[in-house]
């Protein structure tokens, strides 16, 4: 019942009591630091995944142990630099925390990729945040768009060059990348190898 203190971008380790023994699963905190005893997670049900299956089947009111917060995927040291957020799927969760915290004092672009429009979780909330925070721009891209989709298409890395260039024209930006390993590696390679971005300006977190 005590307040949870964490930095936007950090994660919590849930300790799950399985029949074969305890397992631990790390999930980025999706809510903003609020000084309360509550925090939110977004958990995709992975077919055959023991952790996500347990959590999706757990009844409301279940008591779980959480260890944390942990992690260094934060903007604390570079809060005044322009930022490029790149997310796919539930990789949006640490960025939701950063955005809802409301401390984006420098130009910030979020590129959020998903397969279909229905997979864009928190979309309405992110759109409202972009309308209320003048430094925030949000772009969505779909790899499997329907015919009526008028937004960007393709993988997130398709759009990184253009947005990075616009941010770099203001000041040296920092990139924050969160999602599956394949996407994270592709965006890191694009920034580090093709665009020659110093490694100190590229931060990443993957969840597979």
C-alpha atoms as a PDB file:
ATOM      1  CA  UNK A   1       0.000   0.000   0.000  1.00  0.00           C
ATOM      2  CA  UNK A   2       3.002   2.348  -0.083  1.00  0.00           C
ATOM      3  CA  UNK A   3       3.601   4.728  -3.027  1.00  0.00           C
ATOM      4  CA  UNK A   4       5.522   3.371  -6.026  1.00  0.00           C
ATOM      5  CA  UNK A   5       8.426   5.577  -7.081  1.00  0.00           C
ATOM      6  CA  UNK A   6       9.788   5.049 -10.589  1.00  0.00           C
ATOM      7  CA  UNK A   7      11.097   6.936 -13.605  1.00  0.00           C
ATOM      8  CA  UNK A   8       9.148   6.966 -16.854  1.00  0.00           C
ATOM      9  CA  UNK A   9      10.577   4.182 -19.004  1.00  0.00           C
ATOM     10  CA  UNK A  10      11.421   1.758 -16.195  1.00  0.00           C
ATOM     11  CA  UNK A  11       9.952  -1.732 -15.780  1.00  0.00           C
ATOM     12  CA  UNK A  12       8.663  -4.009 -13.055  1.00  0.00           C
ATOM     13  CA  UNK A  13       9.395  -7.709 -12.596  1.00  0.00           C
ATOM     14  CA  UNK A  14       6.277  -9.724 -11.810  1.00  0.00           C
ATOM     15  CA  UNK A  15       6.866 -12.899  -9.801  1.00  0.00           C
ATOM     16  CA  UNK A  16       4.330 -15.482 -10.967  1.00  0.00           C
ATOM     17  CA  UNK A  17       3.564 -18.594  -8.894  1.00  0.00           C
ATOM     18  CA  UNK A  18       3.464 -21.418 -11.442  1.00  0.00           C
ATOM     19  CA  UNK A  19       2.937 -25.097 -10.675  1.00  0.00           C
ATOM     20  CA  UNK A  20       6.558 -25.809 -11.612  1.00  0.00           C
ATOM     21  CA  UNK A  21       7.875 -22.954  -9.480  1.00  0.00           C
ATOM     22  CA  UNK A  22       8.085 -19.188  -9.613  1.00  0.00           C
ATOM     23  CA  UNK A  23       8.890 -17.427 -12.858  1.00  0.00           C
ATOM     24  CA  UNK A  24       9.641 -13.750 -13.427  1.00  0.00           C
ATOM     25  CA  UNK A  25       8.456 -11.606 -16.287  1.00  0.00           C
ATOM     26  CA  UNK A  26       9.505  -8.002 -16.876  1.00  0.00           C
ATOM     27  CA  UNK A  27       6.986  -5.441 -18.144  1.00  0.00           C
ATOM     28  CA  UNK A  28       7.519  -1.745 -18.780  1.00  0.00           C
ATOM     29  CA  UNK A  29       5.310   0.502 -16.682  1.00  0.00           C
ATOM     30  CA  UNK A  30       2.671   2.037 -18.944  1.00  0.00           C
ATOM     31  CA  UNK A  31       1.452   4.700 -16.534  1.00  0.00           C
ATOM     32  CA  UNK A  32       3.161   7.962 -15.646  1.00  0.00           C
ATOM     33  CA  UNK A  33       4.925   8.418 -12.308  1.00  0.00           C
ATOM     34  CA  UNK A  34       2.214   9.735 -10.017  1.00  0.00           C
ATOM     35  CA  UNK A  35       3.433   9.121  -6.468  1.00  0.00           C
ATOM     36  CA  UNK A  36       0.516   6.771  -5.845  1.00  0.00           C
ATOM     37  CA  UNK A  37       0.535   3.069  -4.944  1.00  0.00           C
ATOM     38  CA  UNK A  38      -0.769   2.140  -8.413  1.00  0.00           C
ATOM     39  CA  UNK A  39       0.884   1.433 -11.750  1.00  0.00           C
ATOM     40  CA  UNK A  40      -0.329   0.012 -15.063  1.00  0.00           C
ATOM     41  CA  UNK A  41       1.050  -2.608 -17.454  1.00  0.00           C
ATOM     42  CA  UNK A  42       0.043  -3.675 -20.969  1.00  0.00           C
ATOM     43  CA  UNK A  43       0.472  -7.398 -21.544  1.00  0.00           C
ATOM     44  CA  UNK A  44      -0.053  -9.142 -24.865  1.00  0.00           C
ATOM     45  CA  UNK A  45      -1.253 -12.744 -24.600  1.00  0.00           C
ATOM     46  CA  UNK A  46       1.465 -14.782 -26.303  1.00  0.00           C
ATOM     47  CA  UNK A  47       0.155 -18.165 -27.426  1.00  0.00           C
ATOM     48  CA  UNK A  48       1.955 -20.766 -25.336  1.00  0.00           C
ATOM     49  CA  UNK A  49       3.647 -18.136 -23.182  1.00  0.00           C
ATOM     50  CA  UNK A  50       3.341 -19.217 -19.549  1.00  0.00           C
ATOM     51  CA  UNK A  51       3.675 -15.733 -18.061  1.00  0.00           C
ATOM     52  CA  UNK A  52       1.188 -13.905 -20.260  1.00  0.00           C
ATOM     53  CA  UNK A  53      -1.231 -16.843 -20.161  1.00  0.00           C
ATOM     54  CA  UNK A  54      -1.156 -16.858 -16.366  1.00  0.00           C
ATOM     55  CA  UNK A  55      -1.822 -13.120 -16.214  1.00  0.00           C
ATOM     56  CA  UNK A  56      -4.635 -13.167 -18.767  1.00  0.00           C
ATOM     57  CA  UNK A  57      -6.353 -15.975 -16.852  1.00  0.00           C
ATOM     58  CA  UNK A  58      -5.797 -14.500 -13.374  1.00  0.00           C
ATOM     59  CA  UNK A  59      -9.068 -13.303 -11.811  1.00  0.00           C
ATOM     60  CA  UNK A  60      -9.540  -9.685 -10.776  1.00  0.00           C
ATOM     61  CA  UNK A  61      -8.189  -9.131  -7.299  1.00  0.00           C
ATOM     62  CA  UNK A  62      -5.324 -11.611  -7.623  1.00  0.00           C
ATOM     63  CA  UNK A  63      -2.362 -10.786  -5.393  1.00  0.00           C
ATOM     64  CA  UNK A  64       1.020 -10.800  -7.137  1.00  0.00           C
ATOM     65  CA  UNK A  65       4.526  -9.917  -6.087  1.00  0.00           C
ATOM     66  CA  UNK A  66       6.373  -7.253  -8.075  1.00  0.00           C
ATOM     67  CA  UNK A  67      10.074  -6.443  -7.866  1.00  0.00           C
ATOM     68  CA  UNK A  68      11.356  -3.091  -9.020  1.00  0.00           C
ATOM     69  CA  UNK A  69      11.379  -0.606 -10.505  1.00  0.00           C
ATOM     70  CA  UNK A  70      14.375  -1.443 -12.671  1.00  0.00           C
ATOM     71  CA  UNK A  71      15.935  -0.388 -15.957  1.00  0.00           C
ATOM     72  CA  UNK A  72      17.772   2.523 -17.559  1.00  0.00           C
ATOM     73  CA  UNK A  73      15.500   3.190 -20.539  1.00  0.00           C
ATOM     74  CA  UNK A  74      14.772   6.715 -19.350  1.00  0.00           C
ATOM     75  CA  UNK A  75      15.240  10.285 -20.560  1.00  0.00           C
ATOM     76  CA  UNK A  76      16.490  11.668 -17.256  1.00  0.00           C
ATOM     77  CA  UNK A  77      19.988  12.599 -18.499  1.00  0.00           C
ATOM     78  CA  UNK A  78      18.839  13.901 -21.886  1.00  0.00           C
ATOM     79  CA  UNK A  79      15.448  15.425 -21.163  1.00  0.00           C
ATOM     80  CA  UNK A  80      16.322  18.703 -22.914  1.00  0.00           C
ATOM     81  CA  UNK A  81      17.359  17.068 -26.221  1.00  0.00           C
ATOM     82  CA  UNK A  82      14.986  16.469 -29.133  1.00  0.00           C
ATOM     83  CA  UNK A  83      13.764  12.867 -29.047  1.00  0.00           C
ATOM     84  CA  UNK A  84      12.659  10.246 -31.523  1.00  0.00           C
ATOM     85  CA  UNK A  85      10.497   7.511 -29.980  1.00  0.00           C
ATOM     86  CA  UNK A  86      10.158   4.351 -32.094  1.00  0.00           C
ATOM     87  CA  UNK A  87       7.712   1.679 -30.918  1.00  0.00           C
ATOM     88  CA  UNK A  88       5.883  -1.382 -32.145  1.00  0.00           C
ATOM     89  CA  UNK A  89       3.145  -3.298 -30.324  1.00  0.00           C
ATOM     90  CA  UNK A  90       3.306  -3.110 -26.550  1.00  0.00           C
ATOM     91  CA  UNK A  91       6.692  -1.447 -26.966  1.00  0.00           C
ATOM     92  CA  UNK A  92       4.590   1.712 -26.758  1.00  0.00           C
ATOM     93  CA  UNK A  93       4.248   1.317 -22.970  1.00  0.00           C
ATOM     94  CA  UNK A  94       7.417   3.119 -21.777  1.00  0.00           C
ATOM     95  CA  UNK A  95       6.669   5.950 -24.192  1.00  0.00           C
ATOM     96  CA  UNK A  96       3.115   6.234 -22.903  1.00  0.00           C
ATOM     97  CA  UNK A  97       4.622   6.722 -19.447  1.00  0.00           C
ATOM     98  CA  UNK A  98       7.008   9.405 -20.741  1.00  0.00           C
ATOM     99  CA  UNK A  99       4.257  11.195 -22.691  1.00  0.00           C
ATOM    100  CA  UNK A 100       1.670  11.156 -19.903  1.00  0.00           C
ATOM    101  CA  UNK A 101       4.293  12.483 -17.496  1.00  0.00           C
ATOM    102  CA  UNK A 102       4.030  15.712 -19.480  1.00  0.00           C
ATOM    103  CA  UNK A 103       7.693  16.740 -19.376  1.00  0.00           C
ATOM    104  CA  UNK A 104       8.502  16.864 -23.086  1.00  0.00           C
ATOM    105  CA  UNK A 105      10.295  20.213 -23.157  1.00  0.00           C
ATOM    106  CA  UNK A 106      12.027  19.583 -26.512  1.00  0.00           C
ATOM    107  CA  UNK A 107      10.609  18.537 -29.912  1.00  0.00           C
ATOM    108  CA  UNK A 108       9.597  14.871 -29.711  1.00  0.00           C
ATOM    109  CA  UNK A 109       8.361  12.537 -32.441  1.00  0.00           C
ATOM    110  CA  UNK A 110       6.707   9.191 -31.781  1.00  0.00           C
ATOM    111  CA  UNK A 111       6.595   6.673 -34.626  1.00  0.00           C
ATOM    112  CA  UNK A 112       4.254   3.869 -33.588  1.00  0.00           C
ATOM    113  CA  UNK A 113       4.003   0.816 -35.827  1.00  0.00           C
ATOM    114  CA  UNK A 114       1.518  -2.049 -35.810  1.00  0.00           C
ATOM    115  CA  UNK A 115       0.120  -4.635 -38.179  1.00  0.00           C
ATOM    116  CA  UNK A 116      -3.419  -3.287 -38.336  1.00  0.00           C
ATOM    117  CA  UNK A 117      -5.265  -0.188 -37.154  1.00  0.00           C
ATOM    118  CA  UNK A 118      -6.924  -2.239 -34.405  1.00  0.00           C
ATOM    119  CA  UNK A 119      -3.478  -3.013 -32.953  1.00  0.00           C
ATOM    120  CA  UNK A 120      -2.694   0.650 -32.201  1.00  0.00           C
ATOM    121  CA  UNK A 121      -3.283   0.537 -28.458  1.00  0.00           C
ATOM    122  CA  UNK A 122      -3.698   3.855 -26.591  1.00  0.00           C
ATOM    123  CA  UNK A 123      -4.267   5.582 -29.932  1.00  0.00           C
ATOM    124  CA  UNK A 124      -6.975   8.011 -28.790  1.00  0.00           C
ATOM    125  CA  UNK A 125      -5.004   8.851 -25.682  1.00  0.00           C
ATOM    126  CA  UNK A 126      -1.808   9.488 -27.636  1.00  0.00           C
ATOM    127  CA  UNK A 127      -3.650  11.651 -30.128  1.00  0.00           C
ATOM    128  CA  UNK A 128      -5.099  13.762 -27.338  1.00  0.00           C
ATOM    129  CA  UNK A 129      -1.636  14.117 -25.784  1.00  0.00           C
ATOM    130  CA  UNK A 130      -0.241  15.319 -29.126  1.00  0.00           C
ATOM    131  CA  UNK A 131      -2.986  17.927 -29.339  1.00  0.00           C
ATOM    132  CA  UNK A 132      -2.278  19.172 -25.808  1.00  0.00           C
ATOM    133  CA  UNK A 133       1.537  19.058 -25.862  1.00  0.00           C
ATOM    134  CA  UNK A 134       2.988  21.397 -28.523  1.00  0.00           C
ATOM    135  CA  UNK A 135       6.364  19.620 -28.595  1.00  0.00           C
ATOM    136  CA  UNK A 136       4.855  16.202 -29.362  1.00  0.00           C
ATOM    137  CA  UNK A 137       4.128  14.753 -32.793  1.00  0.00           C
ATOM    138  CA  UNK A 138       2.656  11.279 -33.227  1.00  0.00           C
ATOM    139  CA  UNK A 139       2.822   9.228 -36.415  1.00  0.00           C
ATOM    140  CA  UNK A 140       1.288   5.786 -36.971  1.00  0.00           C
ATOM    141  CA  UNK A 141       2.384   3.284 -39.591  1.00  0.00           C
ATOM    142  CA  UNK A 142       0.738  -0.012 -40.494  1.00  0.00           C
ATOM    143  CA  UNK A 143       2.377  -3.010 -42.120  1.00  0.00           C
ATOM    144  CA  UNK A 144      -1.029  -4.475 -43.064  1.00  0.00           C
ATOM    145  CA  UNK A 145      -3.264  -1.450 -43.686  1.00  0.00           C
ATOM    146  CA  UNK A 146      -6.830  -1.682 -44.924  1.00  0.00           C
ATOM    147  CA  UNK A 147      -7.907   0.163 -48.068  1.00  0.00           C
ATOM    148  CA  UNK A 148      -9.371   3.123 -46.182  1.00  0.00           C
ATOM    149  CA  UNK A 149      -6.187   3.759 -44.157  1.00  0.00           C
ATOM    150  CA  UNK A 150      -4.748   7.179 -45.081  1.00  0.00           C
ATOM    151  CA  UNK A 151      -1.754   7.217 -42.736  1.00  0.00           C
ATOM    152  CA  UNK A 152       1.790   5.959 -43.182  1.00  0.00           C
ATOM    153  CA  UNK A 153       2.434   2.380 -44.238  1.00  0.00           C
ATOM    154  CA  UNK A 154       5.310  -0.045 -43.907  1.00  0.00           C
ATOM    155  CA  UNK A 155       7.665  -0.782 -41.073  1.00  0.00           C
ATOM    156  CA  UNK A 156       8.725   1.945 -38.647  1.00  0.00           C
ATOM    157  CA  UNK A 157      12.302   2.033 -39.956  1.00  0.00           C
ATOM    158  CA  UNK A 158      10.938   3.245 -43.300  1.00  0.00           C
ATOM    159  CA  UNK A 159      10.135   6.597 -41.706  1.00  0.00           C
ATOM    160  CA  UNK A 160      13.083   7.073 -39.343  1.00  0.00           C
ATOM    161  CA  UNK A 161      15.431   8.829 -41.779  1.00  0.00           C
ATOM    162  CA  UNK A 162      13.077  11.691 -42.588  1.00  0.00           C
ATOM    163  CA  UNK A 163      12.026  12.358 -39.003  1.00  0.00           C
ATOM    164  CA  UNK A 164      15.563  12.045 -37.663  1.00  0.00           C
ATOM    165  CA  UNK A 165      16.768  14.612 -40.196  1.00  0.00           C
ATOM    166  CA  UNK A 166      14.115  17.113 -39.149  1.00  0.00           C
ATOM    167  CA  UNK A 167      15.037  16.696 -35.470  1.00  0.00           C
ATOM    168  CA  UNK A 168      18.787  16.865 -36.181  1.00  0.00           C
ATOM    169  CA  UNK A 169      18.252  20.241 -37.845  1.00  0.00           C
ATOM    170  CA  UNK A 170      17.182  21.587 -34.430  1.00  0.00           C
ATOM    171  CA  UNK A 171      19.803  19.996 -32.156  1.00  0.00           C
ATOM    172  CA  UNK A 172      21.496  16.593 -31.748  1.00  0.00           C
ATOM    173  CA  UNK A 173      18.558  14.296 -30.973  1.00  0.00           C
ATOM    174  CA  UNK A 174      18.346  11.066 -28.989  1.00  0.00           C
ATOM    175  CA  UNK A 175      16.563   7.965 -30.253  1.00  0.00           C
ATOM    176  CA  UNK A 176      14.597   5.628 -27.987  1.00  0.00           C
ATOM    177  CA  UNK A 177      13.523   2.303 -29.504  1.00  0.00           C
ATOM    178  CA  UNK A 178      11.274  -0.319 -27.921  1.00  0.00           C
ATOM    179  CA  UNK A 179       9.732  -3.456 -29.403  1.00  0.00           C
ATOM    180  CA  UNK A 180      10.695  -6.869 -30.663  1.00  0.00           C
ATOM    181  CA  UNK A 181      14.377  -7.602 -31.230  1.00  0.00           C
ATOM    182  CA  UNK A 182      14.095  -7.678 -35.018  1.00  0.00           C
ATOM    183  CA  UNK A 183      12.707  -4.141 -35.205  1.00  0.00           C
ATOM    184  CA  UNK A 184      15.037  -2.788 -32.544  1.00  0.00           C
ATOM    185  CA  UNK A 185      18.101  -4.175 -34.344  1.00  0.00           C
ATOM    186  CA  UNK A 186      16.950  -2.787 -37.704  1.00  0.00           C
ATOM    187  CA  UNK A 187      16.416   0.739 -36.362  1.00  0.00           C
ATOM    188  CA  UNK A 188      19.666   0.673 -34.373  1.00  0.00           C
ATOM    189  CA  UNK A 189      21.581  -0.403 -37.476  1.00  0.00           C
ATOM    190  CA  UNK A 190      19.962   2.339 -39.542  1.00  0.00           C
ATOM    191  CA  UNK A 191      20.873   5.029 -37.015  1.00  0.00           C
ATOM    192  CA  UNK A 192      24.320   3.793 -36.035  1.00  0.00           C
ATOM    193  CA  UNK A 193      25.647   2.506 -39.362  1.00  0.00           C
ATOM    194  CA  UNK A 194      23.838   4.434 -42.087  1.00  0.00           C
ATOM    195  CA  UNK A 195      23.216   7.758 -40.350  1.00  0.00           C
ATOM    196  CA  UNK A 196      26.376   7.559 -38.214  1.00  0.00           C
ATOM    197  CA  UNK A 197      24.595   8.507 -35.001  1.00  0.00           C
ATOM    198  CA  UNK A 198      26.889   8.195 -31.933  1.00  0.00           C
ATOM    199  CA  UNK A 199      25.923   5.238 -29.758  1.00  0.00           C
ATOM    200  CA  UNK A 200      25.411   7.592 -26.777  1.00  0.00           C
ATOM    201  CA  UNK A 201      22.377   8.995 -28.605  1.00  0.00           C
ATOM    202  CA  UNK A 202      20.711   5.638 -29.290  1.00  0.00           C
ATOM    203  CA  UNK A 203      18.818   3.904 -26.481  1.00  0.00           C
ATOM    204  CA  UNK A 204      16.879   0.684 -26.842  1.00  0.00           C
ATOM    205  CA  UNK A 205      14.806  -1.875 -24.981  1.00  0.00           C
ATOM    206  CA  UNK A 206      13.499  -5.130 -26.434  1.00  0.00           C
ATOM    207  CA  UNK A 207      11.001  -7.563 -25.008  1.00  0.00           C
ATOM    208  CA  UNK A 208      11.865 -10.882 -26.656  1.00  0.00           C
END
